[in-house]
PDB file of all heavy atoms in Angstrom:
ATOM      1  N   VAL A   1     229.503 141.183 204.053  1.00  0.00           N
ATOM      2  CA  VAL A   1     229.110 140.742 205.444  1.00  0.00           C
ATOM      3  C   VAL A   1     228.302 141.829 206.024  1.00  0.00           C
ATOM      4  O   VAL A   1     228.739 143.008 205.884  1.00  0.00           O
ATOM      5  CB  VAL A   1     230.358 140.455 206.270  1.00  0.00           C
ATOM      6  CG1 VAL A   1     229.991 140.033 207.578  1.00  0.00           C
ATOM      7  CG2 VAL A   1     231.184 139.272 205.565  1.00  0.00           C
ATOM      8  N   HIS A   2     227.270 141.450 206.738  1.00  0.00           N
ATOM      9  CA  HIS A   2     226.579 142.361 207.565  1.00  0.00           C
ATOM     10  C   HIS A   2     226.802 142.033 209.042  1.00  0.00           C
ATOM     11  O   HIS A   2     226.467 140.933 209.486  1.00  0.00           O
ATOM     12  CB  HIS A   2     225.009 142.278 207.258  1.00  0.00           C
ATOM     13  CG  HIS A   2     224.215 143.314 208.044  1.00  0.00           C
ATOM     14  ND1 HIS A   2     224.150 144.609 207.565  1.00  0.00           N
ATOM     15  CD2 HIS A   2     223.526 143.174 209.167  1.00  0.00           C
ATOM     16  CE1 HIS A   2     223.395 145.276 208.393  1.00  0.00           C
ATOM     17  NE2 HIS A   2     223.000 144.482 209.368  1.00  0.00           N
ATOM     18  N   THR A   3     227.379 142.919 209.744  1.00  0.00           N
ATOM     19  CA  THR A   3     227.677 142.667 211.167  1.00  0.00           C
ATOM     20  C   THR A   3     226.304 142.715 211.936  1.00  0.00           C
ATOM     21  O   THR A   3     225.371 143.373 211.584  1.00  0.00           O
ATOM     22  CB  THR A   3     228.662 143.706 211.845  1.00  0.00           C
ATOM     23  OG1 THR A   3     228.184 144.950 211.528  1.00  0.00           O
ATOM     24  CG2 THR A   3     229.996 143.621 211.235  1.00  0.00           C
ATOM     25  N   ARG A   4     226.391 142.051 213.124  1.00  0.00           N
ATOM     26  CA  ARG A   4     225.186 141.928 213.828  1.00  0.00           C
ATOM     27  C   ARG A   4     224.921 143.231 214.628  1.00  0.00           C
ATOM     28  O   ARG A   4     225.838 144.119 214.791  1.00  0.00           O
ATOM     29  CB  ARG A   4     225.180 140.790 214.811  1.00  0.00           C
ATOM     30  CG  ARG A   4     225.235 139.483 214.057  1.00  0.00           C
ATOM     31  CD  ARG A   4     225.340 138.332 214.985  1.00  0.00           C
ATOM     32  NE  ARG A   4     225.418 137.011 214.319  1.00  0.00           N
ATOM     33  CZ  ARG A   4     224.484 136.110 214.335  1.00  0.00           C
ATOM     34  NH1 ARG A   4     223.380 136.340 214.946  1.00  0.00           N
ATOM     35  NH2 ARG A   4     224.753 134.932 213.691  1.00  0.00           N
ATOM     36  N   ASP A   5     223.669 143.369 215.191  1.00  0.00           N
ATOM     37  CA  ASP A   5     223.370 144.508 215.961  1.00  0.00           C
ATOM     38  C   ASP A   5     224.003 144.604 217.265  1.00  0.00           C
ATOM     39  O   ASP A   5     224.579 143.626 217.764  1.00  0.00           O
ATOM     40  CB  ASP A   5     221.951 144.864 216.015  1.00  0.00           C
ATOM     41  CG  ASP A   5     221.219 143.796 216.820  1.00  0.00           C
ATOM     42  OD1 ASP A   5     221.928 142.788 217.171  1.00  0.00           O
ATOM     43  OD2 ASP A   5     220.042 143.916 216.985  1.00  0.00           O
ATOM     44  N   ALA A   6     224.040 145.733 217.976  1.00  0.00           N
ATOM     45  CA  ALA A   6     224.785 145.849 219.190  1.00  0.00           C
ATOM     46  C   ALA A   6     224.321 144.981 220.295  1.00  0.00           C
ATOM     47  O   ALA A   6     224.928 144.594 221.250  1.00  0.00           O
ATOM     48  CB  ALA A   6     224.778 147.397 219.655  1.00  0.00           C
ATOM     49  N   SER A   7     222.992 144.624 220.332  1.00  0.00           N
ATOM     50  CA  SER A   7     222.445 143.814 221.349  1.00  0.00           C
ATOM     51  C   SER A   7     222.921 142.332 221.349  1.00  0.00           C
ATOM     52  O   SER A   7     222.906 141.677 222.270  1.00  0.00           O
ATOM     53  CB  SER A   7     220.880 143.730 221.206  1.00  0.00           C
ATOM     54  OG  SER A   7     220.565 143.095 219.984  1.00  0.00           O
ATOM     55  N   PHE A   8     223.545 141.993 220.180  1.00  0.00           N
ATOM     56  CA  PHE A   8     224.107 140.647 220.011  1.00  0.00           C
ATOM     57  C   PHE A   8     225.285 140.409 220.961  1.00  0.00           C
ATOM     58  O   PHE A   8     225.516 139.346 221.584  1.00  0.00           O
ATOM     59  CB  PHE A   8     224.650 140.436 218.693  1.00  0.00           C
ATOM     60  CG  PHE A   8     225.177 139.055 218.419  1.00  0.00           C
ATOM     61  CD1 PHE A   8     224.311 137.968 218.274  1.00  0.00           C
ATOM     62  CD2 PHE A   8     226.539 138.772 218.361  1.00  0.00           C
ATOM     63  CE1 PHE A   8     224.775 136.658 218.028  1.00  0.00           C
ATOM     64  CE2 PHE A   8     227.111 137.429 218.125  1.00  0.00           C
ATOM     65  CZ  PHE A   8     226.173 136.455 218.004  1.00  0.00           C
ATOM     66  N   ILE A   9     226.005 141.537 221.388  1.00  0.00           N
ATOM     67  CA  ILE A   9     227.103 141.398 222.372  1.00  0.00           C
ATOM     68  C   ILE A   9     226.608 140.969 223.631  1.00  0.00           C
ATOM     69  O   ILE A   9     227.289 140.231 224.366  1.00  0.00           O
ATOM     70  CB  ILE A   9     227.824 142.675 222.419  1.00  0.00           C
ATOM     71  CG1 ILE A   9     228.523 143.172 221.058  1.00  0.00           C
ATOM     72  CG2 ILE A   9     228.828 142.820 223.446  1.00  0.00           C
ATOM     73  CD1 ILE A   9     229.149 144.461 221.001  1.00  0.00           C
ATOM     74  N   MET A  10     225.422 141.416 224.069  1.00  0.00           N
ATOM     75  CA  MET A  10     224.923 141.219 225.357  1.00  0.00           C
ATOM     76  C   MET A  10     224.169 139.802 225.516  1.00  0.00           C
ATOM     77  O   MET A  10     223.773 139.571 226.570  1.00  0.00           O
ATOM     78  CB  MET A  10     223.966 142.313 225.778  1.00  0.00           C
ATOM     79  CG  MET A  10     224.533 143.691 225.927  1.00  0.00           C
ATOM     80  SD  MET A  10     225.993 143.678 227.005  1.00  0.00           S
ATOM     81  CE  MET A  10     225.105 143.523 228.639  1.00  0.00           C
ATOM     82  N   GLN A  11     224.033 139.085 224.419  1.00  0.00           N
ATOM     83  CA  GLN A  11     223.336 137.797 224.566  1.00  0.00           C
ATOM     84  C   GLN A  11     224.158 136.859 225.510  1.00  0.00           C
ATOM     85  O   GLN A  11     225.442 136.725 225.269  1.00  0.00           O
ATOM     86  CB  GLN A  11     223.195 137.132 223.097  1.00  0.00           C
ATOM     87  CG  GLN A  11     222.111 137.778 222.380  1.00  0.00           C
ATOM     88  CD  GLN A  11     221.756 137.206 221.054  1.00  0.00           C
ATOM     89  OE1 GLN A  11     222.630 136.137 220.744  1.00  0.00           O
ATOM     90  NE2 GLN A  11     220.867 137.513 220.317  1.00  0.00           N
ATOM     91  N   GLY A  12     223.393 136.235 226.357  1.00  0.00           N
ATOM     92  CA  GLY A  12     224.072 135.337 227.272  1.00  0.00           C
ATOM     93  C   GLY A  12     224.658 136.017 228.483  1.00  0.00           C
ATOM     94  O   GLY A  12     225.136 135.403 229.430  1.00  0.00           O
ATOM     95  N   ILE A  13     224.566 137.251 228.618  1.00  0.00           N
ATOM     96  CA  ILE A  13     225.122 138.095 229.708  1.00  0.00           C
ATOM     97  C   ILE A  13     223.947 138.581 230.334  1.00  0.00           C
ATOM     98  O   ILE A  13     223.085 139.365 229.796  1.00  0.00           O
ATOM     99  CB  ILE A  13     226.099 139.300 229.196  1.00  0.00           C
ATOM    100  CG1 ILE A  13     227.263 138.654 228.619  1.00  0.00           C
ATOM    101  CG2 ILE A  13     226.516 140.099 230.520  1.00  0.00           C
ATOM    102  CD1 ILE A  13     228.159 139.637 227.977  1.00  0.00           C
ATOM    103  N   TYR A  14     223.704 138.237 231.607  1.00  0.00           N
ATOM    104  CA  TYR A  14     222.601 138.694 232.390  1.00  0.00           C
ATOM    105  C   TYR A  14     223.006 139.680 233.479  1.00  0.00           C
ATOM    106  O   TYR A  14     223.989 139.483 234.174  1.00  0.00           O
ATOM    107  CB  TYR A  14     221.939 137.497 233.004  1.00  0.00           C
ATOM    108  CG  TYR A  14     221.366 136.591 232.014  1.00  0.00           C
ATOM    109  CD1 TYR A  14     222.066 135.340 231.760  1.00  0.00           C
ATOM    110  CD2 TYR A  14     220.204 136.714 231.216  1.00  0.00           C
ATOM    111  CE1 TYR A  14     221.714 134.432 230.814  1.00  0.00           C
ATOM    112  CE2 TYR A  14     219.747 135.807 230.285  1.00  0.00           C
ATOM    113  CZ  TYR A  14     220.523 134.775 230.111  1.00  0.00           C
ATOM    114  OH  TYR A  14     220.140 133.783 229.082  1.00  0.00           O
ATOM    115  N   THR A  15     222.280 140.724 233.656  1.00  0.00           N
ATOM    116  CA  THR A  15     222.524 141.674 234.715  1.00  0.00           C
ATOM    117  C   THR A  15     221.629 141.233 235.901  1.00  0.00           C
ATOM    118  O   THR A  15     220.550 140.777 235.736  1.00  0.00           O
ATOM    119  CB  THR A  15     222.261 143.100 234.211  1.00  0.00           C
ATOM    120  OG1 THR A  15     220.855 143.144 233.789  1.00  0.00           O
ATOM    121  CG2 THR A  15     223.084 143.505 233.090  1.00  0.00           C
ATOM    122  N   THR A  16     222.255 141.502 237.143  1.00  0.00           N
ATOM    123  CA  THR A  16     221.591 141.122 238.246  1.00  0.00           C
ATOM    124  C   THR A  16     221.234 142.568 238.997  1.00  0.00           C
ATOM    125  O   THR A  16     222.042 143.314 239.177  1.00  0.00           O
ATOM    126  CB  THR A  16     222.621 140.288 239.161  1.00  0.00           C
ATOM    127  OG1 THR A  16     222.936 139.156 238.416  1.00  0.00           O
ATOM    128  CG2 THR A  16     221.800 139.840 240.478  1.00  0.00           C
ATOM    129  N   SER A  17     220.035 142.549 239.520  1.00  0.00           N
ATOM    130  CA  SER A  17     219.432 143.681 240.173  1.00  0.00           C
ATOM    131  C   SER A  17     220.115 143.757 241.568  1.00  0.00           C
ATOM    132  O   SER A  17     220.406 142.781 242.127  1.00  0.00           O
ATOM    133  CB  SER A  17     218.050 143.725 240.197  1.00  0.00           C
ATOM    134  OG  SER A  17     217.527 142.833 241.034  1.00  0.00           O
ATOM    135  N   ASN A  18     220.119 144.931 242.151  1.00  0.00           N
ATOM    136  CA  ASN A  18     220.684 145.211 243.505  1.00  0.00           C
ATOM    137  C   ASN A  18     219.700 144.435 244.529  1.00  0.00           C
ATOM    138  O   ASN A  18     220.263 143.934 245.522  1.00  0.00           O
ATOM    139  CB  ASN A  18     220.738 146.681 243.786  1.00  0.00           C
ATOM    140  CG  ASN A  18     221.888 147.294 242.975  1.00  0.00           C
ATOM    141  OD1 ASN A  18     222.804 146.590 242.466  1.00  0.00           O
ATOM    142  ND2 ASN A  18     221.846 148.649 242.909  1.00  0.00           N
ATOM    143  N   VAL A  19     218.435 144.481 244.188  1.00  0.00           N
ATOM    144  CA  VAL A  19     217.535 143.694 245.119  1.00  0.00           C
ATOM    145  C   VAL A  19     217.773 142.278 245.335  1.00  0.00           C
ATOM    146  O   VAL A  19     217.905 141.655 246.357  1.00  0.00           O
ATOM    147  CB  VAL A  19     216.068 144.039 244.668  1.00  0.00           C
ATOM    148  CG1 VAL A  19     215.055 143.170 245.520  1.00  0.00           C
ATOM    149  CG2 VAL A  19     215.732 145.481 244.735  1.00  0.00           C
ATOM    150  N   ALA A  20     218.160 141.617 244.200  1.00  0.00           N
ATOM    151  CA  ALA A  20     218.423 140.112 244.074  1.00  0.00           C
ATOM    152  C   ALA A  20     219.786 139.873 244.858  1.00  0.00           C
ATOM    153  O   ALA A  20     219.738 138.935 245.678  1.00  0.00           O
ATOM    154  CB  ALA A  20     218.598 139.657 242.676  1.00  0.00           C
ATOM    155  N   VAL A  21     220.737 140.797 244.709  1.00  0.00           N
ATOM    156  CA  VAL A  21     221.945 140.611 245.440  1.00  0.00           C
ATOM    157  C   VAL A  21     221.780 140.669 246.948  1.00  0.00           C
ATOM    158  O   VAL A  21     222.216 140.076 247.825  1.00  0.00           O
ATOM    159  CB  VAL A  21     222.941 141.659 244.959  1.00  0.00           C
ATOM    160  CG1 VAL A  21     224.187 141.599 245.776  1.00  0.00           C
ATOM    161  CG2 VAL A  21     223.400 141.360 243.546  1.00  0.00           C
ATOM    162  N   ALA A  22     220.859 141.795 247.405  1.00  0.00           N
ATOM    163  CA  ALA A  22     220.598 142.052 248.818  1.00  0.00           C
ATOM    164  C   ALA A  22     219.904 140.844 249.364  1.00  0.00           C
ATOM    165  O   ALA A  22     220.102 140.478 250.541  1.00  0.00           O
ATOM    166  CB  ALA A  22     219.850 143.247 248.980  1.00  0.00           C
ATOM    167  N   VAL A  23     218.973 140.244 248.587  1.00  0.00           N
ATOM    168  CA  VAL A  23     218.210 139.120 249.168  1.00  0.00           C
ATOM    169  C   VAL A  23     219.063 137.951 249.453  1.00  0.00           C
ATOM    170  O   VAL A  23     218.999 137.256 250.410  1.00  0.00           O
ATOM    171  CB  VAL A  23     216.962 138.732 248.153  1.00  0.00           C
ATOM    172  CG1 VAL A  23     216.463 137.375 248.420  1.00  0.00           C
ATOM    173  CG2 VAL A  23     216.039 139.846 248.131  1.00  0.00           C
ATOM    174  N   VAL A  24     219.941 137.493 248.438  1.00  0.00           N
ATOM    175  CA  VAL A  24     220.892 136.569 248.488  1.00  0.00           C
ATOM    176  C   VAL A  24     221.856 136.732 249.812  1.00  0.00           C
ATOM    177  O   VAL A  24     222.055 135.816 250.584  1.00  0.00           O
ATOM    178  CB  VAL A  24     221.685 136.289 247.240  1.00  0.00           C
ATOM    179  CG1 VAL A  24     222.816 135.237 247.479  1.00  0.00           C
ATOM    180  CG2 VAL A  24     220.732 135.743 246.187  1.00  0.00           C
ATOM    181  N   LEU A  25     222.299 137.983 249.878  1.00  0.00           N
ATOM    182  CA  LEU A  25     223.238 138.205 250.992  1.00  0.00           C
ATOM    183  C   LEU A  25     222.526 138.137 252.315  1.00  0.00           C
ATOM    184  O   LEU A  25     223.070 137.705 253.324  1.00  0.00           O
ATOM    185  CB  LEU A  25     223.899 139.587 250.786  1.00  0.00           C
ATOM    186  CG  LEU A  25     224.899 139.740 249.725  1.00  0.00           C
ATOM    187  CD1 LEU A  25     225.437 141.116 249.563  1.00  0.00           C
ATOM    188  CD2 LEU A  25     226.141 138.888 249.935  1.00  0.00           C
ATOM    189  N   GLY A  26     221.178 138.566 252.344  1.00  0.00           N
ATOM    190  CA  GLY A  26     220.455 138.478 253.617  1.00  0.00           C
ATOM    191  C   GLY A  26     220.274 136.956 253.940  1.00  0.00           C
ATOM    192  O   GLY A  26     220.397 136.680 255.071  1.00  0.00           O
ATOM    193  N   ILE A  27     219.948 136.187 252.977  1.00  0.00           N
ATOM    194  CA  ILE A  27     219.740 134.699 253.267  1.00  0.00           C
ATOM    195  C   ILE A  27     221.060 134.082 253.862  1.00  0.00           C
ATOM    196  O   ILE A  27     221.031 133.270 254.810  1.00  0.00           O
ATOM    197  CB  ILE A  27     219.220 134.012 252.070  1.00  0.00           C
ATOM    198  CG1 ILE A  27     217.803 134.438 251.711  1.00  0.00           C
ATOM    199  CG2 ILE A  27     219.285 132.475 252.204  1.00  0.00           C
ATOM    200  CD1 ILE A  27     217.273 134.007 250.407  1.00  0.00           C
ATOM    201  N   VAL A  28     222.122 134.408 253.138  1.00  0.00           N
ATOM    202  CA  VAL A  28     223.503 133.871 253.718  1.00  0.00           C
ATOM    203  C   VAL A  28     223.664 134.395 255.109  1.00  0.00           C
ATOM    204  O   VAL A  28     224.082 133.587 255.976  1.00  0.00           O
ATOM    205  CB  VAL A  28     224.543 134.250 252.745  1.00  0.00           C
ATOM    206  CG1 VAL A  28     225.971 133.953 253.274  1.00  0.00           C
ATOM    207  CG2 VAL A  28     224.418 133.534 251.399  1.00  0.00           C
ATOM    208  N   ALA A  29     223.494 135.601 255.489  1.00  0.00           N
ATOM    209  CA  ALA A  29     223.711 136.119 256.710  1.00  0.00           C
ATOM    210  C   ALA A  29     222.797 135.458 257.749  1.00  0.00           C
ATOM    211  O   ALA A  29     223.223 135.211 258.884  1.00  0.00           O
ATOM    212  CB  ALA A  29     223.532 137.637 256.701  1.00  0.00           C
ATOM    213  N   ALA A  30     221.468 135.311 257.377  1.00  0.00           N
ATOM    214  CA  ALA A  30     220.500 134.624 258.289  1.00  0.00           C
ATOM    215  C   ALA A  30     221.033 133.098 258.697  1.00  0.00           C
ATOM    216  O   ALA A  30     220.987 132.768 259.836  1.00  0.00           O
ATOM    217  CB  ALA A  30     219.142 134.689 257.756  1.00  0.00           C
TER     218      ALA A  30
END
């Protein structure tokens, strides 16, 4: 068996930038 590379663990997991979080929180506050 050949195990998959380390990037396979991160598939389907998306990181969110701080700017996107700030924009969403700003819209909710407005």
